PDB file of all heavy atoms in Angstrom:
ATOM      1  N   PHE A   1      28.121  75.247  28.396  1.00  0.00           N
ATOM      2  CA  PHE A   1      27.506  75.652  29.668  1.00  0.00           C
ATOM      3  C   PHE A   1      27.951  77.051  30.068  1.00  0.00           C
ATOM      4  O   PHE A   1      27.141  77.878  30.511  1.00  0.00           O
ATOM      5  CB  PHE A   1      27.878  74.659  30.766  1.00  0.00           C
ATOM      6  CG  PHE A   1      27.466  75.118  32.144  1.00  0.00           C
ATOM      7  CD1 PHE A   1      26.171  74.944  32.587  1.00  0.00           C
ATOM      8  CD2 PHE A   1      28.378  75.760  32.979  1.00  0.00           C
ATOM      9  CE1 PHE A   1      25.781  75.392  33.844  1.00  0.00           C
ATOM     10  CE2 PHE A   1      28.006  76.205  34.235  1.00  0.00           C
ATOM     11  CZ  PHE A   1      26.695  76.023  34.672  1.00  0.00           C
ATOM     12  N   LEU A   2      29.245  77.348  29.918  1.00  0.00           N
ATOM     13  CA  LEU A   2      29.738  78.677  30.276  1.00  0.00           C
ATOM     14  C   LEU A   2      29.129  79.751  29.385  1.00  0.00           C
ATOM     15  O   LEU A   2      28.786  80.847  29.859  1.00  0.00           O
ATOM     16  CB  LEU A   2      31.267  78.724  30.171  1.00  0.00           C
ATOM     17  CG  LEU A   2      32.052  78.085  31.313  1.00  0.00           C
ATOM     18  CD1 LEU A   2      33.546  78.194  31.043  1.00  0.00           C
ATOM     19  CD2 LEU A   2      31.704  78.747  32.647  1.00  0.00           C
ATOM     20  N   LEU A   3      29.002  79.469  28.105  1.00  0.00           N
ATOM     21  CA  LEU A   3      28.375  80.441  27.207  1.00  0.00           C
ATOM     22  C   LEU A   3      26.957  80.759  27.658  1.00  0.00           C
ATOM     23  O   LEU A   3      26.538  81.923  27.686  1.00  0.00           O
ATOM     24  CB  LEU A   3      28.363  79.891  25.777  1.00  0.00           C
ATOM     25  CG  LEU A   3      29.694  79.908  25.026  1.00  0.00           C
ATOM     26  CD1 LEU A   3      29.624  79.006  23.794  1.00  0.00           C
ATOM     27  CD2 LEU A   3      30.057  81.328  24.618  1.00  0.00           C
ATOM     28  N   VAL A   4      26.215  79.707  28.030  1.00  0.00           N
ATOM     29  CA  VAL A   4      24.827  79.903  28.470  1.00  0.00           C
ATOM     30  C   VAL A   4      24.786  80.611  29.817  1.00  0.00           C
ATOM     31  O   VAL A   4      24.059  81.591  30.003  1.00  0.00           O
ATOM     32  CB  VAL A   4      24.094  78.550  28.538  1.00  0.00           C
ATOM     33  CG1 VAL A   4      22.700  78.735  29.150  1.00  0.00           C
ATOM     34  CG2 VAL A   4      23.988  77.932  27.149  1.00  0.00           C
ATOM     35  N   SER A   5      25.569  80.122  30.776  1.00  0.00           N
ATOM     36  CA  SER A   5      25.481  80.664  32.135  1.00  0.00           C
ATOM     37  C   SER A   5      26.030  82.081  32.205  1.00  0.00           C
ATOM     38  O   SER A   5      25.503  82.913  32.959  1.00  0.00           O
ATOM     39  CB  SER A   5      26.234  79.761  33.113  1.00  0.00           C
ATOM     40  OG  SER A   5      27.602  79.673  32.782  1.00  0.00           O
ATOM     41  N   TRP A   6      27.065  82.387  31.446  1.00  0.00           N
ATOM     42  CA  TRP A   6      27.569  83.759  31.457  1.00  0.00           C
ATOM     43  C   TRP A   6      26.567  84.722  30.830  1.00  0.00           C
ATOM     44  O   TRP A   6      26.439  85.856  31.256  1.00  0.00           O
ATOM     45  CB  TRP A   6      28.918  83.834  30.749  1.00  0.00           C
ATOM     46  CG  TRP A   6      30.056  83.731  31.724  1.00  0.00           C
ATOM     47  CD1 TRP A   6      29.968  83.667  33.080  1.00  0.00           C
ATOM     48  CD2 TRP A   6      31.448  83.674  31.407  1.00  0.00           C
ATOM     49  NE1 TRP A   6      31.219  83.577  33.633  1.00  0.00           N
ATOM     50  CE2 TRP A   6      32.136  83.578  32.629  1.00  0.00           C
ATOM     51  CE3 TRP A   6      32.172  83.689  30.224  1.00  0.00           C
ATOM     52  CZ2 TRP A   6      33.524  83.514  32.700  1.00  0.00           C
ATOM     53  CZ3 TRP A   6      33.552  83.613  30.288  1.00  0.00           C
ATOM     54  CH2 TRP A   6      34.211  83.532  31.514  1.00  0.00           C
ATOM     55  N   PHE A   7      25.859  84.248  29.816  1.00  0.00           N
ATOM     56  CA  PHE A   7      24.818  85.134  29.301  1.00  0.00           C
ATOM     57  C   PHE A   7      23.711  85.329  30.325  1.00  0.00           C
ATOM     58  O   PHE A   7      23.169  86.424  30.468  1.00  0.00           O
ATOM     59  CB  PHE A   7      24.193  84.616  28.008  1.00  0.00           C
ATOM     60  CG  PHE A   7      22.986  85.426  27.630  1.00  0.00           C
ATOM     61  CD1 PHE A   7      23.131  86.710  27.142  1.00  0.00           C
ATOM     62  CD2 PHE A   7      21.710  84.945  27.860  1.00  0.00           C
ATOM     63  CE1 PHE A   7      22.018  87.487  26.866  1.00  0.00           C
ATOM     64  CE2 PHE A   7      20.594  85.724  27.586  1.00  0.00           C
ATOM     65  CZ  PHE A   7      20.754  86.999  27.075  1.00  0.00           C
ATOM     66  N   ILE A   8      23.365  84.264  31.044  1.00  0.00           N
ATOM     67  CA  ILE A   8      22.298  84.382  32.037  1.00  0.00           C
ATOM     68  C   ILE A   8      22.648  85.436  33.074  1.00  0.00           C
ATOM     69  O   ILE A   8      21.809  86.269  33.437  1.00  0.00           O
ATOM     70  CB  ILE A   8      22.036  83.016  32.704  1.00  0.00           C
ATOM     71  CG1 ILE A   8      21.371  82.060  31.707  1.00  0.00           C
ATOM     72  CG2 ILE A   8      21.162  83.168  33.939  1.00  0.00           C
ATOM     73  CD1 ILE A   8      21.244  80.641  32.218  1.00  0.00           C
ATOM     74  N   THR A   9      23.892  85.427  33.578  1.00  0.00           N
ATOM     75  CA  THR A   9      24.269  86.420  34.585  1.00  0.00           C
ATOM     76  C   THR A   9      24.262  87.833  34.001  1.00  0.00           C
ATOM     77  O   THR A   9      23.852  88.780  34.665  1.00  0.00           O
ATOM     78  CB  THR A   9      25.650  86.112  35.168  1.00  0.00           C
ATOM     79  OG1 THR A   9      26.615  85.987  34.107  1.00  0.00           O
ATOM     80  CG2 THR A   9      25.629  84.839  35.965  1.00  0.00           C
ATOM     81  N   SER A  10      24.699  87.972  32.740  1.00  0.00           N
ATOM     82  CA  SER A  10      24.663  89.292  32.115  1.00  0.00           C
ATOM     83  C   SER A  10      23.235  89.759  31.913  1.00  0.00           C
ATOM     84  O   SER A  10      22.899  90.926  32.131  1.00  0.00           O
ATOM     85  CB  SER A  10      25.399  89.256  30.766  1.00  0.00           C
ATOM     86  OG  SER A  10      26.764  88.985  30.936  1.00  0.00           O
ATOM     87  N   SER A  11      22.368  88.833  31.490  1.00  0.00           N
ATOM     88  CA  SER A  11      20.965  89.186  31.291  1.00  0.00           C
ATOM     89  C   SER A  11      20.287  89.499  32.619  1.00  0.00           C
ATOM     90  O   SER A  11      19.487  90.438  32.729  1.00  0.00           O
ATOM     91  CB  SER A  11      20.230  88.039  30.591  1.00  0.00           C
ATOM     92  OG  SER A  11      18.868  88.360  30.388  1.00  0.00           O
ATOM     93  N   ASP A  12      20.600  88.697  33.657  1.00  0.00           N
ATOM     94  CA  ASP A  12      20.085  88.981  34.999  1.00  0.00           C
ATOM     95  C   ASP A  12      20.422  90.414  35.398  1.00  0.00           C
ATOM     96  O   ASP A  12      19.567  91.173  35.878  1.00  0.00           O
ATOM     97  CB  ASP A  12      20.725  88.040  36.025  1.00  0.00           C
ATOM     98  CG  ASP A  12      20.148  86.639  35.960  1.00  0.00           C
ATOM     99  OD1 ASP A  12      19.194  86.442  35.201  1.00  0.00           O
ATOM    100  OD2 ASP A  12      20.669  85.756  36.660  1.00  0.00           O
ATOM    101  N   SER A  13      21.685  90.751  35.233  1.00  0.00           N
ATOM    102  CA  SER A  13      22.150  92.085  35.621  1.00  0.00           C
ATOM    103  C   SER A  13      21.425  93.158  34.837  1.00  0.00           C
ATOM    104  O   SER A  13      21.014  94.183  35.386  1.00  0.00           O
ATOM    105  CB  SER A  13      23.662  92.199  35.391  1.00  0.00           C
ATOM    106  OG  SER A  13      24.353  91.149  36.011  1.00  0.00           O
ATOM    107  N   SER A  14      21.268  92.936  33.536  1.00  0.00           N
ATOM    108  CA  SER A  14      20.677  93.976  32.692  1.00  0.00           C
ATOM    109  C   SER A  14      19.209  94.208  33.014  1.00  0.00           C
ATOM    110  O   SER A  14      18.747  95.354  33.062  1.00  0.00           O
ATOM    111  CB  SER A  14      20.833  93.611  31.216  1.00  0.00           C
ATOM    112  OG  SER A  14      20.087  92.454  30.892  1.00  0.00           O
ATOM    113  N   THR A  15      18.440  93.119  33.234  1.00  0.00           N
ATOM    114  CA  THR A  15      17.028  93.330  33.559  1.00  0.00           C
ATOM    115  C   THR A  15      16.869  94.003  34.920  1.00  0.00           C
ATOM    116  O   THR A  15      15.964  94.823  35.114  1.00  0.00           O
ATOM    117  CB  THR A  15      16.264  91.992  33.551  1.00  0.00           C
ATOM    118  OG1 THR A  15      16.888  91.074  34.461  1.00  0.00           O
ATOM    119  CG2 THR A  15      16.250  91.393  32.159  1.00  0.00           C
ATOM    120  N   LEU A  16      17.756  93.672  35.857  1.00  0.00           N
ATOM    121  CA  LEU A  16      17.721  94.343  37.156  1.00  0.00           C
ATOM    122  C   LEU A  16      18.014  95.827  36.992  1.00  0.00           C
ATOM    123  O   LEU A  16      17.323  96.678  37.574  1.00  0.00           O
ATOM    124  CB  LEU A  16      18.739  93.711  38.098  1.00  0.00           C
ATOM    125  CG  LEU A  16      18.929  94.409  39.454  1.00  0.00           C
ATOM    126  CD1 LEU A  16      17.637  94.351  40.261  1.00  0.00           C
ATOM    127  CD2 LEU A  16      20.082  93.799  40.231  1.00  0.00           C
ATOM    128  N   VAL A  17      19.001  96.137  36.183  1.00  0.00           N
ATOM    129  CA  VAL A  17      19.382  97.536  35.988  1.00  0.00           C
ATOM    130  C   VAL A  17      18.282  98.312  35.266  1.00  0.00           C
ATOM    131  O   VAL A  17      17.919  99.431  35.662  1.00  0.00           O
ATOM    132  CB  VAL A  17      20.708  97.618  35.207  1.00  0.00           C
ATOM    133  CG1 VAL A  17      20.949  99.031  34.688  1.00  0.00           C
ATOM    134  CG2 VAL A  17      21.870  97.184  36.090  1.00  0.00           C
ATOM    135  N   ILE A  18      17.747  97.742  34.204  1.00  0.00           N
ATOM    136  CA  ILE A  18      16.707  98.434  33.438  1.00  0.00           C
ATOM    137  C   ILE A  18      15.504  98.742  34.321  1.00  0.00           C
ATOM    138  O   ILE A  18      14.994  99.872  34.333  1.00  0.00           O
ATOM    139  CB  ILE A  18      16.288  97.579  32.224  1.00  0.00           C
ATOM    140  CG1 ILE A  18      17.405  97.543  31.190  1.00  0.00           C
ATOM    141  CG2 ILE A  18      15.004  98.127  31.593  1.00  0.00           C
ATOM    142  CD1 ILE A  18      17.163  96.542  30.073  1.00  0.00           C
ATOM    143  N   THR A  19      15.042  97.744  35.062  1.00  0.00           N
ATOM    144  CA  THR A  19      13.862  97.974  35.891  1.00  0.00           C
ATOM    145  C   THR A  19      14.171  98.869  37.091  1.00  0.00           C
ATOM    146  O   THR A  19      13.285  99.589  37.560  1.00  0.00           O
ATOM    147  CB  THR A  19      13.287  96.631  36.376  1.00  0.00           C
ATOM    148  OG1 THR A  19      14.337  95.816  36.933  1.00  0.00           O
ATOM    149  CG2 THR A  19      12.651  95.872  35.220  1.00  0.00           C
ATOM    150  N   THR A  20      15.407  98.839  37.583  1.00  0.00           N
ATOM    151  CA  THR A  20      15.786  99.768  38.651  1.00  0.00           C
ATOM    152  C   THR A  20      15.721 101.205  38.145  1.00  0.00           C
ATOM    153  O   THR A  20      15.230 102.105  38.831  1.00  0.00           O
ATOM    154  CB  THR A  20      17.201  99.460  39.162  1.00  0.00           C
ATOM    155  OG1 THR A  20      17.209  98.161  39.749  1.00  0.00           O
ATOM    156  CG2 THR A  20      17.636 100.477  40.214  1.00  0.00           C
ATOM    157  N   ILE A  21      16.213 101.435  36.912  1.00  0.00           N
ATOM    158  CA  ILE A  21      16.165 102.774  36.320  1.00  0.00           C
ATOM    159  C   ILE A  21      14.727 103.219  36.120  1.00  0.00           C
ATOM    160  O   ILE A  21      14.339 104.332  36.504  1.00  0.00           O
ATOM    161  CB  ILE A  21      16.929 102.789  34.987  1.00  0.00           C
ATOM    162  CG1 ILE A  21      18.431 102.597  35.217  1.00  0.00           C
ATOM    163  CG2 ILE A  21      16.677 104.101  34.237  1.00  0.00           C
ATOM    164  CD1 ILE A  21      19.225 102.452  33.935  1.00  0.00           C
ATOM    165  N   LEU A  22      13.915 102.350  35.520  1.00  0.00           N
ATOM    166  CA  LEU A  22      12.545 102.738  35.175  1.00  0.00           C
ATOM    167  C   LEU A  22      11.635 102.820  36.394  1.00  0.00           C
ATOM    168  O   LEU A  22      10.563 103.420  36.322  1.00  0.00           O
ATOM    169  CB  LEU A  22      11.966 101.751  34.160  1.00  0.00           C
ATOM    170  CG  LEU A  22      12.665 101.746  32.796  1.00  0.00           C
ATOM    171  CD1 LEU A  22      12.049 100.690  31.893  1.00  0.00           C
ATOM    172  CD2 LEU A  22      12.586 103.117  32.132  1.00  0.00           C
ATOM    173  N   SER A  23      12.043 102.221  37.508  1.00  0.00           N
ATOM    174  CA  SER A  23      11.256 102.312  38.744  1.00  0.00           C
ATOM    175  C   SER A  23      11.747 103.446  39.635  1.00  0.00           C
ATOM    176  O   SER A  23      11.367 103.519  40.809  1.00  0.00           O
ATOM    177  CB  SER A  23      11.316 100.981  39.506  1.00  0.00           C
ATOM    178  OG  SER A  23      12.647 100.707  39.916  1.00  0.00           O
ATOM    179  N   MET A  24      12.612 104.302  39.088  1.00  0.00           N
ATOM    180  CA  MET A  24      13.134 105.472  39.808  1.00  0.00           C
ATOM    181  C   MET A  24      13.983 105.070  41.013  1.00  0.00           C
ATOM    182  O   MET A  24      13.952 105.695  42.062  1.00  0.00           O
ATOM    183  CB  MET A  24      11.996 106.384  40.248  1.00  0.00           C
ATOM    184  CG  MET A  24      11.058 106.817  39.129  1.00  0.00           C
ATOM    185  SD  MET A  24      11.900 107.768  37.844  1.00  0.00           S
ATOM    186  CE  MET A  24      12.189 109.314  38.681  1.00  0.00           C
ATOM    187  N   GLY A  25      14.743 103.975  40.857  1.00  0.00           N
ATOM    188  CA  GLY A  25      15.709 103.622  41.889  1.00  0.00           C
ATOM    189  C   GLY A  25      15.317 102.475  42.793  1.00  0.00           C
ATOM    190  O   GLY A  25      16.060 102.139  43.715  1.00  0.00           O
ATOM    191  N   ASP A  26      14.169 101.828  42.542  1.00  0.00           N
ATOM    192  CA  ASP A  26      13.758 100.693  43.377  1.00  0.00           C
ATOM    193  C   ASP A  26      14.710  99.524  43.108  1.00  0.00           C
ATOM    194  O   ASP A  26      14.792  99.024  41.981  1.00  0.00           O
ATOM    195  CB  ASP A  26      12.329 100.291  43.033  1.00  0.00           C
ATOM    196  CG  ASP A  26      11.819  99.139  43.899  1.00  0.00           C
ATOM    197  OD1 ASP A  26      12.563  98.681  44.797  1.00  0.00           O
ATOM    198  OD2 ASP A  26      10.677  98.690  43.661  1.00  0.00           O
ATOM    199  N   GLU A  27      15.443  99.061  44.125  1.00  0.00           N
ATOM    200  CA  GLU A  27      16.424  97.999  43.943  1.00  0.00           C
ATOM    201  C   GLU A  27      15.797  96.611  43.954  1.00  0.00           C
ATOM    202  O   GLU A  27      16.485  95.616  43.729  1.00  0.00           O
ATOM    203  CB  GLU A  27      17.504  98.105  45.019  1.00  0.00           C
ATOM    204  CG  GLU A  27      18.305  99.408  44.923  1.00  0.00           C
ATOM    205  CD  GLU A  27      19.392  99.500  45.973  1.00  0.00           C
ATOM    206  OE1 GLU A  27      19.788  98.454  46.512  1.00  0.00           O
ATOM    207  OE2 GLU A  27      19.841 100.617  46.267  1.00  0.00           O
ATOM    208  N   GLU A  28      14.499  96.513  44.220  1.00  0.00           N
ATOM    209  CA  GLU A  28      13.793  95.226  44.178  1.00  0.00           C
ATOM    210  C   GLU A  28      12.509  95.411  43.373  1.00  0.00           C
ATOM    211  O   GLU A  28      11.398  95.309  43.908  1.00  0.00           O
ATOM    212  CB  GLU A  28      13.486  94.725  45.595  1.00  0.00           C
ATOM    213  CG  GLU A  28      14.702  94.415  46.439  1.00  0.00           C
ATOM    214  CD  GLU A  28      15.513  93.247  45.910  1.00  0.00           C
ATOM    215  OE1 GLU A  28      14.938  92.420  45.147  1.00  0.00           O
ATOM    216  OE2 GLU A  28      16.707  93.148  46.241  1.00  0.00           O
ATOM    217  N   PRO A  29      12.607  95.651  42.068  1.00  0.00           N
ATOM    218  CA  PRO A  29      11.414  95.875  41.245  1.00  0.00           C
ATOM    219  C   PRO A  29      10.582  94.613  41.095  1.00  0.00           C
ATOM    220  O   PRO A  29      11.070  93.488  41.309  1.00  0.00           O
ATOM    221  CB  PRO A  29      11.995  96.316  39.896  1.00  0.00           C
ATOM    222  CG  PRO A  29      13.372  95.742  39.879  1.00  0.00           C
ATOM    223  CD  PRO A  29      13.848  95.738  41.290  1.00  0.00           C
ATOM    224  N   LEU A  30       9.334  94.785  40.696  1.00  0.00           N
ATOM    225  CA  LEU A  30       8.420  93.658  40.553  1.00  0.00           C
ATOM    226  C   LEU A  30       8.922  92.694  39.475  1.00  0.00           C
ATOM    227  O   LEU A  30       9.491  93.103  38.465  1.00  0.00           O
ATOM    228  CB  LEU A  30       7.021  94.147  40.196  1.00  0.00           C
ATOM    229  CG  LEU A  30       6.295  94.969  41.273  1.00  0.00           C
ATOM    230  CD1 LEU A  30       4.947  95.446  40.755  1.00  0.00           C
ATOM    231  CD2 LEU A  30       6.117  94.143  42.542  1.00  0.00           C
ATOM    232  N   ALA A  31       8.661  91.419  39.692  1.00  0.00           N
ATOM    233  CA  ALA A  31       9.173  90.384  38.795  1.00  0.00           C
ATOM    234  C   ALA A  31       8.635  90.529  37.379  1.00  0.00           C
ATOM    235  O   ALA A  31       9.344  90.277  36.404  1.00  0.00           O
ATOM    236  CB  ALA A  31       8.815  89.006  39.356  1.00  0.00           C
ATOM    237  N   ARG A  32       7.379  90.942  37.231  1.00  0.00           N
ATOM    238  CA  ARG A  32       6.796  90.980  35.890  1.00  0.00           C
ATOM    239  C   ARG A  32       7.497  91.981  34.989  1.00  0.00           C
ATOM    240  O   ARG A  32       7.557  91.797  33.767  1.00  0.00           O
ATOM    241  CB  ARG A  32       5.292  91.273  35.974  1.00  0.00           C
ATOM    242  CG  ARG A  32       4.901  92.631  36.517  1.00  0.00           C
ATOM    243  CD  ARG A  32       3.400  92.843  36.281  1.00  0.00           C
ATOM    244  NE  ARG A  32       2.905  94.090  36.844  1.00  0.00           N
ATOM    245  CZ  ARG A  32       2.266  94.181  37.996  1.00  0.00           C
ATOM    246  NH1 ARG A  32       2.057  93.095  38.731  1.00  0.00           N
ATOM    247  NH2 ARG A  32       1.832  95.344  38.440  1.00  0.00           N
ATOM    248  N   HIS A  33       8.044  93.038  35.577  1.00  0.00           N
ATOM    249  CA  HIS A  33       8.760  94.010  34.754  1.00  0.00           C
ATOM    250  C   HIS A  33      10.089  93.439  34.272  1.00  0.00           C
ATOM    251  O   HIS A  33      10.507  93.698  33.131  1.00  0.00           O
ATOM    252  CB  HIS A  33       8.982  95.290  35.553  1.00  0.00           C
ATOM    253  CG  HIS A  33       7.718  95.919  36.049  1.00  0.00           C
ATOM    254  ND1 HIS A  33       6.663  96.201  35.212  1.00  0.00           N
ATOM    255  CD2 HIS A  33       7.320  96.297  37.299  1.00  0.00           C
ATOM    256  CE1 HIS A  33       5.677  96.736  35.912  1.00  0.00           C
ATOM    257  NE2 HIS A  33       6.050  96.803  37.184  1.00  0.00           N
ATOM    258  N   ARG A  34      10.752  92.666  35.115  1.00  0.00           N
ATOM    259  CA  ARG A  34      12.002  92.034  34.695  1.00  0.00           C
ATOM    260  C   ARG A  34      11.733  90.986  33.620  1.00  0.00           C
ATOM    261  O   ARG A  34      12.547  90.799  32.702  1.00  0.00           O
ATOM    262  CB  ARG A  34      12.712  91.408  35.894  1.00  0.00           C
ATOM    263  CG  ARG A  34      13.102  92.435  36.961  1.00  0.00           C
ATOM    264  CD  ARG A  34      13.968  91.838  38.029  1.00  0.00           C
ATOM    265  NE  ARG A  34      15.288  91.481  37.499  1.00  0.00           N
ATOM    266  CZ  ARG A  34      16.274  91.004  38.247  1.00  0.00           C
ATOM    267  NH1 ARG A  34      16.099  90.820  39.534  1.00  0.00           N
ATOM    268  NH2 ARG A  34      17.435  90.695  37.697  1.00  0.00           N
ATOM    269  N   ILE A  35      10.596  90.328  33.693  1.00  0.00           N
ATOM    270  CA  ILE A  35      10.224  89.357  32.660  1.00  0.00           C
ATOM    271  C   ILE A  35      10.027  90.067  31.322  1.00  0.00           C
ATOM    272  O   ILE A  35      10.527  89.615  30.281  1.00  0.00           O
ATOM    273  CB  ILE A  35       8.943  88.605  33.070  1.00  0.00           C
ATOM    274  CG1 ILE A  35       9.219  87.711  34.286  1.00  0.00           C
ATOM    275  CG2 ILE A  35       8.392  87.783  31.906  1.00  0.00           C
ATOM    276  CD1 ILE A  35       7.972  87.067  34.870  1.00  0.00           C
ATOM    277  N   PHE A  36       9.320  91.191  31.341  1.00  0.00           N
ATOM    278  CA  PHE A  36       9.070  91.930  30.100  1.00  0.00           C
ATOM    279  C   PHE A  36      10.370  92.363  29.442  1.00  0.00           C
ATOM    280  O   PHE A  36      10.558  92.188  28.227  1.00  0.00           O
ATOM    281  CB  PHE A  36       8.192  93.154  30.392  1.00  0.00           C
ATOM    282  CG  PHE A  36       8.083  94.088  29.211  1.00  0.00           C
ATOM    283  CD1 PHE A  36       7.216  93.807  28.174  1.00  0.00           C
ATOM    284  CD2 PHE A  36       8.862  95.243  29.138  1.00  0.00           C
ATOM    285  CE1 PHE A  36       7.118  94.664  27.072  1.00  0.00           C
ATOM    286  CE2 PHE A  36       8.770  96.101  28.048  1.00  0.00           C
ATOM    287  CZ  PHE A  36       7.895  95.805  27.015  1.00  0.00           C
ATOM    288  N   TRP A  37      11.292  92.901  30.228  1.00  0.00           N
ATOM    289  CA  TRP A  37      12.528  93.406  29.634  1.00  0.00           C
ATOM    290  C   TRP A  37      13.464  92.271  29.253  1.00  0.00           C
ATOM    291  O   TRP A  37      14.256  92.403  28.300  1.00  0.00           O
ATOM    292  CB  TRP A  37      13.194  94.409  30.573  1.00  0.00           C
ATOM    293  CG  TRP A  37      12.454  95.706  30.568  1.00  0.00           C
ATOM    294  CD1 TRP A  37      11.598  96.164  31.526  1.00  0.00           C
ATOM    295  CD2 TRP A  37      12.450  96.674  29.525  1.00  0.00           C
ATOM    296  NE1 TRP A  37      11.063  97.371  31.149  1.00  0.00           N
ATOM    297  CE2 TRP A  37      11.575  97.706  29.921  1.00  0.00           C
ATOM    298  CE3 TRP A  37      13.099  96.778  28.308  1.00  0.00           C
ATOM    299  CZ2 TRP A  37      11.333  98.823  29.125  1.00  0.00           C
ATOM    300  CZ3 TRP A  37      12.863  97.883  27.507  1.00  0.00           C
ATOM    301  CH2 TRP A  37      11.983  98.894  27.917  1.00  0.00           C
ATOM    302  N   GLY A  38      13.391  91.146  29.928  1.00  0.00           N
ATOM    303  CA  GLY A  38      14.151  89.981  29.486  1.00  0.00           C
ATOM    304  C   GLY A  38      13.691  89.503  28.120  1.00  0.00           C
ATOM    305  O   GLY A  38      14.505  89.164  27.245  1.00  0.00           O
ATOM    306  N   ILE A  39      12.377  89.488  27.912  1.00  0.00           N
ATOM    307  CA  ILE A  39      11.824  89.118  26.603  1.00  0.00           C
ATOM    308  C   ILE A  39      12.226  90.145  25.548  1.00  0.00           C
ATOM    309  O   ILE A  39      12.594  89.785  24.414  1.00  0.00           O
ATOM    310  CB  ILE A  39      10.295  88.988  26.688  1.00  0.00           C
ATOM    311  CG1 ILE A  39       9.916  87.812  27.600  1.00  0.00           C
ATOM    312  CG2 ILE A  39       9.691  88.812  25.301  1.00  0.00           C
ATOM    313  CD1 ILE A  39       8.432  87.717  27.883  1.00  0.00           C
ATOM    314  N   SER A  40      12.187  91.422  25.898  1.00  0.00           N
ATOM    315  CA  SER A  40      12.527  92.486  24.944  1.00  0.00           C
ATOM    316  C   SER A  40      13.956  92.348  24.444  1.00  0.00           C
ATOM    317  O   SER A  40      14.236  92.521  23.247  1.00  0.00           O
ATOM    318  CB  SER A  40      12.331  93.856  25.601  1.00  0.00           C
ATOM    319  OG  SER A  40      10.985  94.054  25.984  1.00  0.00           O
ATOM    320  N   ILE A  41      14.869  92.036  25.338  1.00  0.00           N
ATOM    321  CA  ILE A  41      16.274  91.858  24.947  1.00  0.00           C
ATOM    322  C   ILE A  41      16.398  90.706  23.952  1.00  0.00           C
ATOM    323  O   ILE A  41      17.111  90.804  22.944  1.00  0.00           O
ATOM    324  CB  ILE A  41      17.145  91.609  26.187  1.00  0.00           C
ATOM    325  CG1 ILE A  41      17.260  92.889  27.022  1.00  0.00           C
ATOM    326  CG2 ILE A  41      18.535  91.110  25.786  1.00  0.00           C
ATOM    327  CD1 ILE A  41      17.895  92.677  28.378  1.00  0.00           C
ATOM    328  N   GLY A  42      15.718  89.603  24.222  1.00  0.00           N
ATOM    329  CA  GLY A  42      15.762  88.471  23.308  1.00  0.00           C
ATOM    330  C   GLY A  42      15.199  88.805  21.935  1.00  0.00           C
ATOM    331  O   GLY A  42      15.755  88.393  20.909  1.00  0.00           O
TER     332      GLY A  42
END
């Protein structure tokens, strides 16, 4: 469970960061962009 949940938090953070960068600083980017980058990482 810890292996899974710790990856989830790291992945959460990374998709938020990637989309924040690509949206020029928007701290609440659209969900579909976070979905795309989550898939890309996988």
